[in-house]
C-alpha atoms as a PDB file:
ATOM      1  CA  UNK A   1      93.276 114.896 113.583  1.00  0.00           C
ATOM      2  CA  UNK A   2      92.163 111.814 111.648  1.00  0.00           C
ATOM      3  CA  UNK A   3      94.141 110.600 108.655  1.00  0.00           C
ATOM      4  CA  UNK A   4      91.212 111.070 106.279  1.00  0.00           C
ATOM      5  CA  UNK A   5      90.789 114.672 107.426  1.00  0.00           C
ATOM      6  CA  UNK A   6      94.465 115.376 106.911  1.00  0.00           C
ATOM      7  CA  UNK A   7      94.426 113.799 103.449  1.00  0.00           C
ATOM      8  CA  UNK A   8      91.401 115.889 102.476  1.00  0.00           C
ATOM      9  CA  UNK A   9      93.096 119.081 103.679  1.00  0.00           C
ATOM     10  CA  UNK A  10      96.337 118.283 101.850  1.00  0.00           C
ATOM     11  CA  UNK A  11      94.659 117.313  98.581  1.00  0.00           C
ATOM     12  CA  UNK A  12      92.306 120.307  98.668  1.00  0.00           C
ATOM     13  CA  UNK A  13      95.210 122.693  99.290  1.00  0.00           C
ATOM     14  CA  UNK A  14      97.081 121.243  96.316  1.00  0.00           C
ATOM     15  CA  UNK A  15      93.978 121.378  94.099  1.00  0.00           C
ATOM     16  CA  UNK A  16      93.289 124.994  95.106  1.00  0.00           C
ATOM     17  CA  UNK A  17      96.816 125.943  94.051  1.00  0.00           C
ATOM     18  CA  UNK A  18      96.389 124.142  90.702  1.00  0.00           C
ATOM     19  CA  UNK A  19      98.637 121.194  91.508  1.00  0.00           C
ATOM     20  CA  UNK A  20      98.433 118.321  89.056  1.00  0.00           C
ATOM     21  CA  UNK A  21      98.538 114.524  89.098  1.00  0.00           C
ATOM     22  CA  UNK A  22      97.683 114.350  92.803  1.00  0.00           C
ATOM     23  CA  UNK A  23      98.123 110.830  94.133  1.00  0.00           C
ATOM     24  CA  UNK A  24      97.959 109.522  97.675  1.00  0.00           C
ATOM     25  CA  UNK A  25      99.441 106.217  98.733  1.00  0.00           C
ATOM     26  CA  UNK A  26      98.885 104.127 101.842  1.00  0.00           C
ATOM     27  CA  UNK A  27     102.389 103.431 103.132  1.00  0.00           C
ATOM     28  CA  UNK A  28     101.400 102.196 106.587  1.00  0.00           C
ATOM     29  CA  UNK A  29     102.474  98.647 105.785  1.00  0.00           C
ATOM     30  CA  UNK A  30     105.867  99.859 104.564  1.00  0.00           C
ATOM     31  CA  UNK A  31     106.968 102.154 107.392  1.00  0.00           C
ATOM     32  CA  UNK A  32     105.908 102.993 110.935  1.00  0.00           C
ATOM     33  CA  UNK A  33     106.735 106.679 110.324  1.00  0.00           C
ATOM     34  CA  UNK A  34     103.767 107.523 108.090  1.00  0.00           C
ATOM     35  CA  UNK A  35     100.351 106.275 107.106  1.00  0.00           C
ATOM     36  CA  UNK A  36     100.093 108.052 103.763  1.00  0.00           C
ATOM     37  CA  UNK A  37     102.229 109.832 101.213  1.00  0.00           C
ATOM     38  CA  UNK A  38     100.864 112.459  98.838  1.00  0.00           C
ATOM     39  CA  UNK A  39     102.672 113.184  95.594  1.00  0.00           C
ATOM     40  CA  UNK A  40     101.744 115.907  93.114  1.00  0.00           C
ATOM     41  CA  UNK A  41     103.299 117.751  90.220  1.00  0.00           C
ATOM     42  CA  UNK A  42     103.521 121.439  89.438  1.00  0.00           C
ATOM     43  CA  UNK A  43     104.490 123.665  86.533  1.00  0.00           C
ATOM     44  CA  UNK A  44     107.776 124.993  87.892  1.00  0.00           C
ATOM     45  CA  UNK A  45     110.065 124.918  90.890  1.00  0.00           C
ATOM     46  CA  UNK A  46     108.351 128.045  92.210  1.00  0.00           C
ATOM     47  CA  UNK A  47     104.916 126.445  91.789  1.00  0.00           C
ATOM     48  CA  UNK A  48     106.001 123.292  93.626  1.00  0.00           C
ATOM     49  CA  UNK A  49     107.376 125.383  96.503  1.00  0.00           C
ATOM     50  CA  UNK A  50     104.079 127.276  96.661  1.00  0.00           C
ATOM     51  CA  UNK A  51     102.172 123.972  96.790  1.00  0.00           C
ATOM     52  CA  UNK A  52     104.300 122.753  99.707  1.00  0.00           C
ATOM     53  CA  UNK A  53     103.933 126.068 101.545  1.00  0.00           C
ATOM     54  CA  UNK A  54     100.148 126.063 101.101  1.00  0.00           C
ATOM     55  CA  UNK A  55      99.859 122.510 102.415  1.00  0.00           C
ATOM     56  CA  UNK A  56     101.877 123.432 105.502  1.00  0.00           C
ATOM     57  CA  UNK A  57      99.714 126.510 106.164  1.00  0.00           C
ATOM     58  CA  UNK A  58      96.416 124.646 105.730  1.00  0.00           C
ATOM     59  CA  UNK A  59      97.426 121.687 107.906  1.00  0.00           C
ATOM     60  CA  UNK A  60      98.672 123.975 110.677  1.00  0.00           C
ATOM     61  CA  UNK A  61      95.466 126.070 110.478  1.00  0.00           C
ATOM     62  CA  UNK A  62      93.473 122.868 110.997  1.00  0.00           C
ATOM     63  CA  UNK A  63      95.494 122.011 114.093  1.00  0.00           C
ATOM     64  CA  UNK A  64      97.702 119.363 112.552  1.00  0.00           C
ATOM     65  CA  UNK A  65     101.460 119.091 112.517  1.00  0.00           C
ATOM     66  CA  UNK A  66     103.963 118.201 109.843  1.00  0.00           C
ATOM     67  CA  UNK A  67     107.003 116.182 110.737  1.00  0.00           C
ATOM     68  CA  UNK A  68     108.792 116.389 107.406  1.00  0.00           C
ATOM     69  CA  UNK A  69     108.380 117.980 104.014  1.00  0.00           C
ATOM     70  CA  UNK A  70     110.459 117.721 100.905  1.00  0.00           C
ATOM     71  CA  UNK A  71     110.354 120.430  98.280  1.00  0.00           C
ATOM     72  CA  UNK A  72     113.399 119.223  96.410  1.00  0.00           C
ATOM     73  CA  UNK A  73     112.947 119.866  92.748  1.00  0.00           C
END
């Protein structure tokens, strides 16, 4: 899966679940472990968890894989 496709899937999943302040950053020059990082805000701890869960579901449905997620709030 291409990076742009993955970013679109992640951002759309967050938008669909009413996530806010969605930002994506190119971190490829900072670390070999990732090309991009997506950060978003939610209304509550439960909402943030739901955003993370939805992203994982949508990426897996599209055939991608997630190596790490953080839902620390």
